[in-house]
Amino acid sequence: MKKSVFYHAGCPVCISAEHDIINLIGAENVDIIHLGESKDEISEAEKAGVQSVPALVTPNGNVLHINFGASIEDVKK
């Protein structure tokens, strides 16, 4: 089974959402990508449809934007 991917930028909103996602679906079911530390992953997030972080991309490709921590453009800076 393909995993969900959770993208975030390390802000308090993102970290809180990360903990909630892990508690809801389990750490074994999600890959966590910190875009502030892994800038090379930003283009992959954009291709998936991520416009802001935190965001969860489900195994079938749906993008769930959670709260609003930062736009993807802000993360690129």
N, C-alpha and C. Protein backbone atom coordinates (compact mmCIF):
# COMPACT_ATOMS: atom_id res chain seq x y z
N MET A 1 0.83 -1.18 0.00
CA MET A 1 0.00 0.00 0.00
C MET A 1 0.87 1.25 0.00
N LYS A 2 0.53 2.20 -0.84
CA LYS A 2 1.26 3.45 -0.92
C LYS A 2 0.97 4.30 0.31
N LYS A 3 1.98 5.03 0.78
CA LYS A 3 1.83 5.88 1.96
C LYS A 3 1.32 7.26 1.58
N SER A 4 0.72 7.93 2.56
CA SER A 4 0.44 9.35 2.44
C SER A 4 1.76 10.10 2.63
N VAL A 5 1.80 11.34 2.16
CA VAL A 5 2.98 12.18 2.36
C VAL A 5 2.53 13.47 3.04
N PHE A 6 3.16 13.79 4.16
CA PHE A 6 2.85 15.00 4.90
C PHE A 6 4.00 15.98 4.69
N TYR A 7 3.68 17.12 4.08
CA TYR A 7 4.66 18.18 3.84
C TYR A 7 4.48 19.28 4.87
N HIS A 8 5.60 19.76 5.41
CA HIS A 8 5.52 20.88 6.33
C HIS A 8 6.82 21.69 6.28
N ALA A 9 6.80 22.84 6.99
CA ALA A 9 7.97 23.72 6.97
C ALA A 9 8.57 23.94 8.35
N GLY A 10 8.11 23.21 9.34
CA GLY A 10 8.71 23.29 10.66
C GLY A 10 8.12 24.32 11.60
N CYS A 11 7.12 25.08 11.17
CA CYS A 11 6.52 26.09 12.03
C CYS A 11 5.67 25.39 13.10
N PRO A 12 5.27 26.10 14.15
CA PRO A 12 4.46 25.48 15.21
C PRO A 12 3.14 24.88 14.69
N VAL A 13 2.48 25.53 13.74
CA VAL A 13 1.26 24.99 13.16
C VAL A 13 1.56 23.66 12.49
N CYS A 14 2.67 23.61 11.74
CA CYS A 14 3.05 22.39 11.02
C CYS A 14 3.40 21.25 11.97
N ILE A 15 4.15 21.55 13.01
CA ILE A 15 4.57 20.52 13.97
C ILE A 15 3.36 19.95 14.69
N SER A 16 2.43 20.81 15.08
CA SER A 16 1.20 20.36 15.73
C SER A 16 0.40 19.45 14.79
N ALA A 17 0.26 19.87 13.53
CA ALA A 17 -0.46 19.05 12.55
C ALA A 17 0.26 17.72 12.31
N GLU A 18 1.59 17.74 12.28
CA GLU A 18 2.37 16.49 12.10
C GLU A 18 2.03 15.50 13.21
N HIS A 19 2.03 15.97 14.44
CA HIS A 19 1.72 15.07 15.56
C HIS A 19 0.31 14.51 15.44
N ASP A 20 -0.65 15.36 15.06
CA ASP A 20 -2.02 14.90 14.90
C ASP A 20 -2.14 13.86 13.79
N ILE A 21 -1.48 14.11 12.66
CA ILE A 21 -1.53 13.16 11.53
C ILE A 21 -0.95 11.81 11.95
N ILE A 22 0.18 11.84 12.62
CA ILE A 22 0.81 10.58 13.07
C ILE A 22 -0.11 9.84 14.03
N ASN A 23 -0.75 10.59 14.95
CA ASN A 23 -1.67 9.95 15.89
C ASN A 23 -2.90 9.39 15.19
N LEU A 24 -3.36 10.04 14.12
CA LEU A 24 -4.55 9.60 13.41
C LEU A 24 -4.31 8.40 12.50
N ILE A 25 -3.23 8.46 11.72
CA ILE A 25 -3.05 7.40 10.71
C ILE A 25 -1.84 6.50 10.96
N GLY A 26 -1.00 6.86 11.93
CA GLY A 26 0.14 6.03 12.28
C GLY A 26 1.39 6.40 11.50
N ALA A 27 2.51 6.43 12.18
CA ALA A 27 3.79 6.81 11.58
C ALA A 27 4.19 5.89 10.43
N GLU A 28 3.74 4.64 10.47
CA GLU A 28 4.10 3.69 9.42
C GLU A 28 3.32 3.93 8.12
N ASN A 29 2.31 4.78 8.18
CA ASN A 29 1.46 5.04 7.01
C ASN A 29 1.70 6.39 6.35
N VAL A 30 2.70 7.12 6.83
CA VAL A 30 2.94 8.47 6.29
C VAL A 30 4.43 8.76 6.23
N ASP A 31 4.85 9.37 5.13
CA ASP A 31 6.21 9.90 5.02
C ASP A 31 6.15 11.37 5.37
N ILE A 32 7.03 11.82 6.25
CA ILE A 32 7.07 13.21 6.69
C ILE A 32 8.19 13.91 5.92
N ILE A 33 7.84 15.00 5.23
CA ILE A 33 8.83 15.77 4.48
C ILE A 33 8.85 17.20 5.02
N HIS A 34 9.98 17.59 5.60
CA HIS A 34 10.19 18.95 6.12
C HIS A 34 10.80 19.75 4.98
N LEU A 35 9.98 20.58 4.32
CA LEU A 35 10.44 21.32 3.15
C LEU A 35 11.46 22.40 3.50
N GLY A 36 11.49 22.86 4.73
CA GLY A 36 12.51 23.82 5.15
C GLY A 36 13.90 23.19 5.17
N GLU A 37 13.96 21.90 5.44
CA GLU A 37 15.23 21.18 5.48
C GLU A 37 15.52 20.43 4.19
N SER A 38 14.50 20.15 3.41
CA SER A 38 14.65 19.38 2.16
C SER A 38 14.08 20.19 1.00
N LYS A 39 14.72 21.30 0.68
CA LYS A 39 14.23 22.20 -0.37
C LYS A 39 14.13 21.49 -1.72
N ASP A 40 14.92 20.45 -1.93
CA ASP A 40 14.86 19.71 -3.20
C ASP A 40 13.53 18.97 -3.37
N GLU A 41 12.75 18.84 -2.32
CA GLU A 41 11.45 18.17 -2.38
C GLU A 41 10.31 19.13 -2.74
N ILE A 42 10.59 20.44 -2.79
CA ILE A 42 9.54 21.43 -3.05
C ILE A 42 8.90 21.20 -4.41
N SER A 43 9.69 20.92 -5.43
CA SER A 43 9.12 20.72 -6.77
C SER A 43 8.19 19.49 -6.78
N GLU A 44 8.55 18.46 -6.04
CA GLU A 44 7.70 17.26 -5.96
C GLU A 44 6.37 17.60 -5.26
N ALA A 45 6.45 18.41 -4.21
CA ALA A 45 5.24 18.84 -3.52
C ALA A 45 4.35 19.66 -4.45
N GLU A 46 4.95 20.55 -5.22
CA GLU A 46 4.18 21.36 -6.17
C GLU A 46 3.52 20.49 -7.23
N LYS A 47 4.25 19.51 -7.73
CA LYS A 47 3.68 18.59 -8.73
C LYS A 47 2.48 17.84 -8.17
N ALA A 48 2.52 17.55 -6.89
CA ALA A 48 1.42 16.84 -6.24
C ALA A 48 0.21 17.75 -6.00
N GLY A 49 0.43 19.08 -6.12
CA GLY A 49 -0.67 20.03 -5.92
C GLY A 49 -0.63 20.79 -4.62
N VAL A 50 0.46 20.66 -3.87
CA VAL A 50 0.58 21.37 -2.60
C VAL A 50 0.77 22.86 -2.87
N GLN A 51 -0.09 23.68 -2.26
CA GLN A 51 -0.02 25.13 -2.42
C GLN A 51 0.40 25.82 -1.14
N SER A 52 0.20 25.14 -0.02
CA SER A 52 0.61 25.67 1.27
C SER A 52 0.90 24.51 2.20
N VAL A 53 1.62 24.81 3.26
CA VAL A 53 1.92 23.78 4.26
C VAL A 53 1.36 24.23 5.60
N PRO A 54 0.96 23.30 6.42
CA PRO A 54 1.06 21.85 6.28
C PRO A 54 0.03 21.30 5.30
N ALA A 55 0.40 20.22 4.63
CA ALA A 55 -0.50 19.56 3.69
C ALA A 55 -0.22 18.06 3.68
N LEU A 56 -1.29 17.31 3.51
CA LEU A 56 -1.19 15.86 3.43
C LEU A 56 -1.63 15.44 2.04
N VAL A 57 -0.78 14.68 1.36
CA VAL A 57 -1.13 14.12 0.06
C VAL A 57 -1.48 12.66 0.31
N THR A 58 -2.72 12.30 -0.02
CA THR A 58 -3.19 10.94 0.23
C THR A 58 -2.66 9.99 -0.83
N PRO A 59 -2.72 8.69 -0.56
CA PRO A 59 -2.22 7.72 -1.55
C PRO A 59 -2.88 7.82 -2.92
N ASN A 60 -4.13 8.29 -2.98
CA ASN A 60 -4.78 8.41 -4.29
C ASN A 60 -4.62 9.79 -4.90
N GLY A 61 -3.77 10.64 -4.30
CA GLY A 61 -3.41 11.92 -4.90
C GLY A 61 -4.19 13.13 -4.44
N ASN A 62 -5.13 12.97 -3.52
CA ASN A 62 -5.82 14.13 -2.98
C ASN A 62 -4.88 14.93 -2.09
N VAL A 63 -4.97 16.26 -2.18
CA VAL A 63 -4.15 17.13 -1.34
C VAL A 63 -5.06 17.75 -0.29
N LEU A 64 -4.75 17.50 0.96
CA LEU A 64 -5.50 18.06 2.07
C LEU A 64 -4.66 19.15 2.72
N HIS A 65 -5.03 20.41 2.48
CA HIS A 65 -4.33 21.53 3.09
C HIS A 65 -4.88 21.72 4.50
N ILE A 66 -4.00 21.72 5.48
CA ILE A 66 -4.39 21.74 6.88
C ILE A 66 -3.98 23.09 7.48
N ASN A 67 -4.99 23.82 8.00
CA ASN A 67 -4.71 25.16 8.53
C ASN A 67 -3.94 25.96 7.49
N PHE A 68 -3.14 26.89 7.92
CA PHE A 68 -2.27 27.61 6.99
C PHE A 68 -1.04 28.03 7.76
N GLY A 69 0.06 27.40 7.44
CA GLY A 69 1.33 27.74 8.07
C GLY A 69 2.12 28.68 7.19
N ALA A 70 2.26 28.31 5.91
CA ALA A 70 3.02 29.12 4.95
C ALA A 70 2.65 28.68 3.53
N SER A 71 2.71 29.63 2.61
CA SER A 71 2.50 29.27 1.21
C SER A 71 3.75 28.56 0.70
N ILE A 72 3.60 27.80 -0.34
CA ILE A 72 4.74 27.09 -0.93
C ILE A 72 5.76 28.10 -1.44
N GLU A 73 5.31 29.27 -1.87
CA GLU A 73 6.22 30.33 -2.33
C GLU A 73 7.09 30.83 -1.18
N ASP A 74 6.50 30.95 0.02
CA ASP A 74 7.28 31.38 1.19
C ASP A 74 8.32 30.35 1.58
N VAL A 75 8.00 29.08 1.40
CA VAL A 75 8.93 28.01 1.76
C VAL A 75 10.13 28.02 0.83
N LYS A 76 9.94 28.46 -0.41
CA LYS A 76 11.04 28.49 -1.37
C LYS A 76 12.12 29.49 -0.99
N LYS A 77 11.79 30.50 -0.23
CA LYS A 77 12.73 31.58 0.11
C LYS A 77 13.81 31.14 1.05
